[in-house]
């Protein structure tokens, strides 16, 4: 049996929404094992004048729990 846990995170980038997603997953994978899926929940951007200067994405990351893990 697989059990998945979900975590909501926000990523940002000055390049694009895609870059924000990639960066967020890369950072999350440094501390979370067994990442399995990502869902983009929301996209938004900060505007300065008439130009987008920062992209934001809210993500729902899921990862599989290690049921055989031993504490200690």
N, C-alpha and C. Protein backbone atom coordinates (compact mmCIF):
# COMPACT_ATOMS: atom_id res chain seq x y z
N UNK A 1 0.84 -1.18 0.00
CA UNK A 1 0.00 0.00 0.00
C UNK A 1 0.89 1.24 0.00
N UNK A 2 0.57 2.20 -0.85
CA UNK A 2 1.27 3.48 -0.88
C UNK A 2 0.41 4.54 -0.22
N UNK A 3 1.03 5.34 0.59
CA UNK A 3 0.36 6.49 1.20
C UNK A 3 1.11 7.73 0.77
N UNK A 4 0.37 8.72 0.27
CA UNK A 4 0.99 9.96 -0.16
C UNK A 4 0.60 11.09 0.78
N UNK A 5 1.54 11.98 0.98
CA UNK A 5 1.32 13.18 1.77
C UNK A 5 1.42 14.36 0.82
N UNK A 6 0.62 15.40 1.07
CA UNK A 6 0.61 16.59 0.23
C UNK A 6 1.16 17.78 1.00
N UNK A 7 1.86 18.63 0.27
CA UNK A 7 2.49 19.80 0.85
C UNK A 7 2.28 20.97 -0.10
N UNK A 8 1.83 22.10 0.42
CA UNK A 8 1.66 23.28 -0.41
C UNK A 8 2.90 24.16 -0.27
N UNK A 9 3.51 24.50 -1.42
CA UNK A 9 4.67 25.38 -1.41
C UNK A 9 4.48 26.47 -2.46
N UNK A 10 5.24 27.56 -2.33
CA UNK A 10 5.23 28.64 -3.30
C UNK A 10 6.63 28.82 -3.86
N UNK A 11 6.72 28.88 -5.17
CA UNK A 11 7.99 29.13 -5.84
C UNK A 11 7.95 30.47 -6.55
N UNK A 12 9.13 31.03 -6.81
CA UNK A 12 9.18 32.30 -7.53
C UNK A 12 10.37 32.33 -8.49
N UNK A 13 10.27 33.19 -9.48
CA UNK A 13 11.32 33.34 -10.47
C UNK A 13 11.18 34.70 -11.14
N UNK A 14 12.29 35.23 -11.59
CA UNK A 14 12.26 36.47 -12.38
C UNK A 14 12.21 36.16 -13.87
N UNK A 15 12.21 34.85 -14.23
CA UNK A 15 12.26 34.44 -15.64
C UNK A 15 10.89 34.03 -16.17
N UNK A 16 10.22 33.07 -15.49
CA UNK A 16 8.93 32.56 -15.99
C UNK A 16 8.24 31.72 -14.92
N UNK A 17 6.97 31.40 -15.18
CA UNK A 17 6.25 30.51 -14.27
C UNK A 17 6.88 29.12 -14.29
N UNK A 18 7.26 28.65 -15.48
CA UNK A 18 7.89 27.33 -15.58
C UNK A 18 9.17 27.28 -14.75
N UNK A 19 9.97 28.33 -14.83
CA UNK A 19 11.21 28.38 -14.05
C UNK A 19 10.91 28.37 -12.56
N UNK A 20 9.84 29.03 -12.15
CA UNK A 20 9.44 29.04 -10.74
C UNK A 20 9.07 27.63 -10.28
N UNK A 21 8.37 26.87 -11.13
CA UNK A 21 8.01 25.50 -10.79
C UNK A 21 9.26 24.64 -10.66
N UNK A 22 10.14 24.74 -11.65
CA UNK A 22 11.37 23.92 -11.65
C UNK A 22 12.22 24.23 -10.43
N UNK A 23 12.38 25.50 -10.11
CA UNK A 23 13.19 25.88 -8.94
C UNK A 23 12.57 25.37 -7.65
N UNK A 24 11.26 25.47 -7.52
CA UNK A 24 10.58 25.03 -6.29
C UNK A 24 10.73 23.52 -6.10
N UNK A 25 10.56 22.76 -7.18
CA UNK A 25 10.71 21.30 -7.09
C UNK A 25 12.15 20.94 -6.75
N UNK A 26 13.10 21.62 -7.38
CA UNK A 26 14.51 21.36 -7.11
C UNK A 26 14.84 21.60 -5.64
N UNK A 27 14.38 22.70 -5.08
CA UNK A 27 14.65 23.00 -3.66
C UNK A 27 13.96 22.00 -2.74
N UNK A 28 12.70 21.66 -3.04
CA UNK A 28 11.96 20.72 -2.21
C UNK A 28 12.62 19.35 -2.21
N UNK A 29 13.16 18.95 -3.35
CA UNK A 29 13.77 17.61 -3.45
C UNK A 29 15.05 17.49 -2.63
N UNK A 30 15.60 18.60 -2.19
CA UNK A 30 16.80 18.56 -1.34
C UNK A 30 16.49 18.05 0.07
N UNK A 31 15.25 18.21 0.51
CA UNK A 31 14.89 17.81 1.87
C UNK A 31 13.73 16.83 1.96
N UNK A 32 13.06 16.58 0.83
CA UNK A 32 11.91 15.67 0.83
C UNK A 32 12.21 14.51 -0.10
N UNK A 33 12.14 13.30 0.42
CA UNK A 33 12.36 12.11 -0.40
C UNK A 33 11.06 11.65 -1.04
N UNK A 34 11.17 10.91 -2.11
CA UNK A 34 10.04 10.23 -2.77
C UNK A 34 8.99 11.17 -3.34
N UNK A 35 9.40 12.35 -3.87
CA UNK A 35 8.45 13.23 -4.54
C UNK A 35 7.80 12.47 -5.69
N UNK A 36 6.49 12.62 -5.84
CA UNK A 36 5.81 11.83 -6.87
C UNK A 36 5.01 12.67 -7.86
N UNK A 37 4.29 13.69 -7.41
CA UNK A 37 3.50 14.50 -8.34
C UNK A 37 3.52 15.96 -7.91
N UNK A 38 3.22 16.81 -8.89
CA UNK A 38 3.07 18.24 -8.62
C UNK A 38 1.83 18.73 -9.37
N UNK A 39 1.06 19.58 -8.70
CA UNK A 39 -0.09 20.23 -9.30
C UNK A 39 0.09 21.73 -9.14
N UNK A 40 -0.03 22.46 -10.23
CA UNK A 40 0.03 23.92 -10.14
C UNK A 40 -1.35 24.40 -9.70
N UNK A 41 -1.41 24.98 -8.52
CA UNK A 41 -2.69 25.42 -7.95
C UNK A 41 -3.02 26.83 -8.41
N UNK A 42 -2.00 27.70 -8.45
CA UNK A 42 -2.23 29.09 -8.84
C UNK A 42 -0.96 29.68 -9.41
N UNK A 43 -1.14 30.60 -10.35
CA UNK A 43 -0.04 31.38 -10.90
C UNK A 43 -0.37 32.85 -10.73
N UNK A 44 0.64 33.64 -10.41
CA UNK A 44 0.44 35.09 -10.33
C UNK A 44 1.78 35.76 -10.61
N UNK A 45 1.75 37.06 -10.79
CA UNK A 45 2.98 37.77 -11.10
C UNK A 45 2.95 39.16 -10.50
N UNK A 46 4.15 39.67 -10.24
CA UNK A 46 4.30 41.05 -9.77
C UNK A 46 4.67 41.91 -10.98
N UNK A 47 4.01 43.04 -11.10
CA UNK A 47 4.20 43.92 -12.25
C UNK A 47 4.84 45.22 -11.77
N UNK A 48 5.80 45.70 -12.54
CA UNK A 48 6.40 47.01 -12.30
C UNK A 48 6.22 47.82 -13.58
N UNK A 49 5.39 48.83 -13.51
CA UNK A 49 5.07 49.59 -14.72
C UNK A 49 4.23 48.74 -15.65
N UNK A 50 4.77 48.43 -16.81
CA UNK A 50 4.03 47.59 -17.76
C UNK A 50 4.75 46.27 -18.01
N UNK A 51 5.59 45.86 -17.08
CA UNK A 51 6.40 44.65 -17.27
C UNK A 51 6.28 43.71 -16.07
N UNK A 52 6.19 42.40 -16.34
CA UNK A 52 6.23 41.40 -15.28
C UNK A 52 7.66 41.30 -14.78
N UNK A 53 7.84 41.46 -13.47
CA UNK A 53 9.19 41.42 -12.91
C UNK A 53 9.43 40.21 -12.02
N UNK A 54 8.35 39.52 -11.62
CA UNK A 54 8.51 38.31 -10.82
C UNK A 54 7.28 37.42 -10.98
N UNK A 55 7.54 36.13 -11.14
CA UNK A 55 6.49 35.13 -11.32
C UNK A 55 6.38 34.28 -10.06
N UNK A 56 5.15 33.95 -9.67
CA UNK A 56 4.91 33.13 -8.49
C UNK A 56 4.01 31.95 -8.87
N UNK A 57 4.27 30.79 -8.26
CA UNK A 57 3.42 29.62 -8.44
C UNK A 57 3.16 28.99 -7.08
N UNK A 58 1.91 28.66 -6.83
CA UNK A 58 1.56 27.85 -5.66
C UNK A 58 1.43 26.42 -6.15
N UNK A 59 2.12 25.51 -5.49
CA UNK A 59 2.16 24.12 -5.91
C UNK A 59 1.66 23.20 -4.82
N UNK A 60 1.02 22.13 -5.24
CA UNK A 60 0.66 21.04 -4.35
C UNK A 60 1.60 19.90 -4.71
N UNK A 61 2.58 19.66 -3.86
CA UNK A 61 3.54 18.57 -4.05
C UNK A 61 3.07 17.37 -3.27
N UNK A 62 3.20 16.20 -3.85
CA UNK A 62 2.91 14.99 -3.09
C UNK A 62 4.15 14.12 -3.08
N UNK A 63 4.27 13.37 -2.00
CA UNK A 63 5.38 12.43 -1.86
C UNK A 63 4.89 11.20 -1.14
N UNK A 64 5.51 10.08 -1.48
CA UNK A 64 5.13 8.81 -0.90
C UNK A 64 5.82 8.62 0.44
N UNK A 65 5.05 8.20 1.43
CA UNK A 65 5.63 7.93 2.75
C UNK A 65 6.37 6.61 2.73
N UNK A 66 7.49 6.57 3.44
CA UNK A 66 8.28 5.35 3.55
C UNK A 66 7.76 4.57 4.75
N UNK A 67 6.91 3.60 4.49
CA UNK A 67 6.27 2.83 5.58
C UNK A 67 7.24 1.87 6.26
N UNK A 68 8.39 1.64 5.65
CA UNK A 68 9.39 0.72 6.25
C UNK A 68 10.47 1.45 7.02
N UNK A 69 10.36 2.76 7.13
CA UNK A 69 11.36 3.56 7.81
C UNK A 69 11.38 3.24 9.31
N UNK A 70 12.55 3.11 9.84
CA UNK A 70 12.73 2.87 11.28
C UNK A 70 13.22 4.14 11.95
N UNK A 71 12.57 4.55 13.02
CA UNK A 71 13.01 5.73 13.77
C UNK A 71 14.28 5.40 14.54
N UNK A 72 15.11 6.43 14.69
CA UNK A 72 16.22 6.25 15.57
C UNK A 72 17.53 6.28 14.93
